[in-house]
């Protein structure tokens, strides 16, 4: 499980959906207060990240019927460096690389 924490516009459909599923799984683990040492996540950002992923899913005309309740007692202060995460994502996914190039050409 992981949160990429990159601009959601850059993620291919598969990575967008997978991170959305992972965010739900991460929150379940946080609610159950089970170990999170094996996941790559920003526990303090789960709710906000879910909102960004859900918004992007709707923009791409994907169904989204899984709201996330905000956790109020998260005490994990882990941060993901989005530049390193983006480099890893782009190195491993041609579709994500294409989305970044298309987004950059639109922004120019």
Protein backbone atom coordinates (compact mmCIF):
# COMPACT_ATOMS: atom_id res chain seq x y z
CA UNK A 1 0.00 0.00 0.00
CA UNK A 2 1.22 3.45 -0.80
CA UNK A 3 0.27 7.04 -1.29
CA UNK A 4 2.19 8.57 -4.17
CA UNK A 5 1.41 12.17 -3.14
CA UNK A 6 2.00 13.47 -6.67
CA UNK A 7 -0.31 15.73 -8.64
CA UNK A 8 -3.31 13.51 -9.41
CA UNK A 9 -3.42 14.84 -12.98
CA UNK A 10 -0.11 13.04 -13.63
CA UNK A 11 -1.37 9.60 -12.62
CA UNK A 12 -2.59 7.09 -15.18
CA UNK A 13 -6.01 5.56 -14.60
CA UNK A 14 -4.56 2.41 -13.05
CA UNK A 15 -2.36 4.26 -10.55
CA UNK A 16 -5.20 6.66 -9.69
CA UNK A 17 -7.58 3.81 -8.92
CA UNK A 18 -4.94 1.83 -7.04
CA UNK A 19 -3.97 4.73 -4.81
CA UNK A 20 -7.65 5.38 -4.12
CA UNK A 21 -8.07 1.76 -3.01
CA UNK A 22 -4.87 1.98 -0.97
CA UNK A 23 -6.04 5.14 0.82
CA UNK A 24 -9.15 3.28 1.97
CA UNK A 25 -7.03 0.34 3.14
CA UNK A 26 -4.60 2.66 4.92
CA UNK A 27 -7.43 4.35 6.76
CA UNK A 28 -8.84 0.97 7.84
CA UNK A 29 -5.43 0.12 9.30
CA UNK A 30 -5.24 3.49 11.07
CA UNK A 31 -8.73 3.06 12.52
CA UNK A 32 -7.86 -0.42 13.76
CA UNK A 33 -4.61 0.98 15.19
CA UNK A 34 -2.65 -1.83 13.57
CA UNK A 35 0.94 -1.50 12.42
CA UNK A 36 1.57 0.78 9.45
CA UNK A 37 5.31 0.19 9.18
CA UNK A 38 4.90 -1.76 5.94
CA UNK A 39 3.06 0.98 4.05
CA UNK A 40 4.22 4.17 2.36
CA UNK A 41 1.75 6.77 3.52
CA UNK A 42 1.20 10.18 5.04
CA UNK A 43 -1.35 9.32 7.72
CA UNK A 44 -2.08 12.99 8.43
CA UNK A 45 -2.99 13.48 4.74
CA UNK A 46 -5.26 10.48 4.14
CA UNK A 47 -8.56 12.39 4.09
CA UNK A 48 -7.29 15.31 1.99
CA UNK A 49 -5.58 12.93 -0.44
CA UNK A 50 -8.75 10.87 -0.78
CA UNK A 51 -10.66 14.02 -1.68
CA UNK A 52 -8.14 14.88 -4.42
CA UNK A 53 -8.21 11.34 -5.82
CA UNK A 54 -12.02 11.20 -5.77
CA UNK A 55 -12.28 14.58 -7.51
CA UNK A 56 -9.89 13.45 -10.25
CA UNK A 57 -11.78 10.16 -10.64
CA UNK A 58 -15.02 12.08 -11.20
CA UNK A 59 -13.27 14.36 -13.73
CA UNK A 60 -12.30 11.22 -15.64
CA UNK A 61 -15.90 9.96 -15.48
CA UNK A 62 -15.11 7.10 -13.09
CA UNK A 63 -17.71 6.09 -10.57
CA UNK A 64 -16.93 7.07 -6.99
CA UNK A 65 -19.23 5.86 -4.26
CA UNK A 66 -16.88 5.45 -1.32
CA UNK A 67 -16.69 8.55 0.85
CA UNK A 68 -14.07 8.60 3.57
CA UNK A 69 -14.71 9.80 7.10
CA UNK A 70 -12.09 12.06 8.58
CA UNK A 71 -9.92 10.57 11.31
CA UNK A 72 -9.40 12.87 14.26
CA UNK A 73 -6.83 10.95 16.25
CA UNK A 74 -4.01 10.26 13.82
CA UNK A 75 -0.64 10.74 15.44
CA UNK A 76 1.69 9.53 12.71
CA UNK A 77 3.83 12.33 11.33
CA UNK A 78 5.32 10.72 8.22
CA UNK A 79 5.95 12.73 5.06
CA UNK A 80 6.36 11.49 1.49
CA UNK A 81 8.68 13.48 -0.74
CA UNK A 82 6.56 13.97 -3.84
CA UNK A 83 9.50 14.73 -6.16
CA UNK A 84 11.13 11.38 -5.38
CA UNK A 85 7.77 9.65 -5.58
CA UNK A 86 7.04 11.22 -8.97
CA UNK A 87 10.44 10.15 -10.30
CA UNK A 88 9.75 6.57 -9.20
CA UNK A 89 6.25 6.61 -10.68
CA UNK A 90 7.46 7.98 -14.03
CA UNK A 91 10.38 5.57 -14.20
CA UNK A 92 8.00 2.63 -13.94
CA UNK A 93 4.91 3.70 -15.87
CA UNK A 94 4.76 4.81 -19.48
CA UNK A 95 1.12 5.94 -19.13
CA UNK A 96 1.99 8.23 -16.22
CA UNK A 97 4.93 9.67 -18.19
CA UNK A 98 2.58 10.46 -21.09
CA UNK A 99 0.10 12.17 -18.74
CA UNK A 100 2.89 14.37 -17.33
CA UNK A 101 4.02 15.37 -20.83
CA UNK A 102 0.43 16.15 -21.85
CA UNK A 103 -0.19 18.16 -18.66
CA UNK A 104 3.00 20.12 -19.16
CA UNK A 105 2.10 20.97 -22.76
CA UNK A 106 -1.35 22.18 -21.62
CA UNK A 107 0.19 24.29 -18.83
CA UNK A 108 2.66 25.94 -21.25
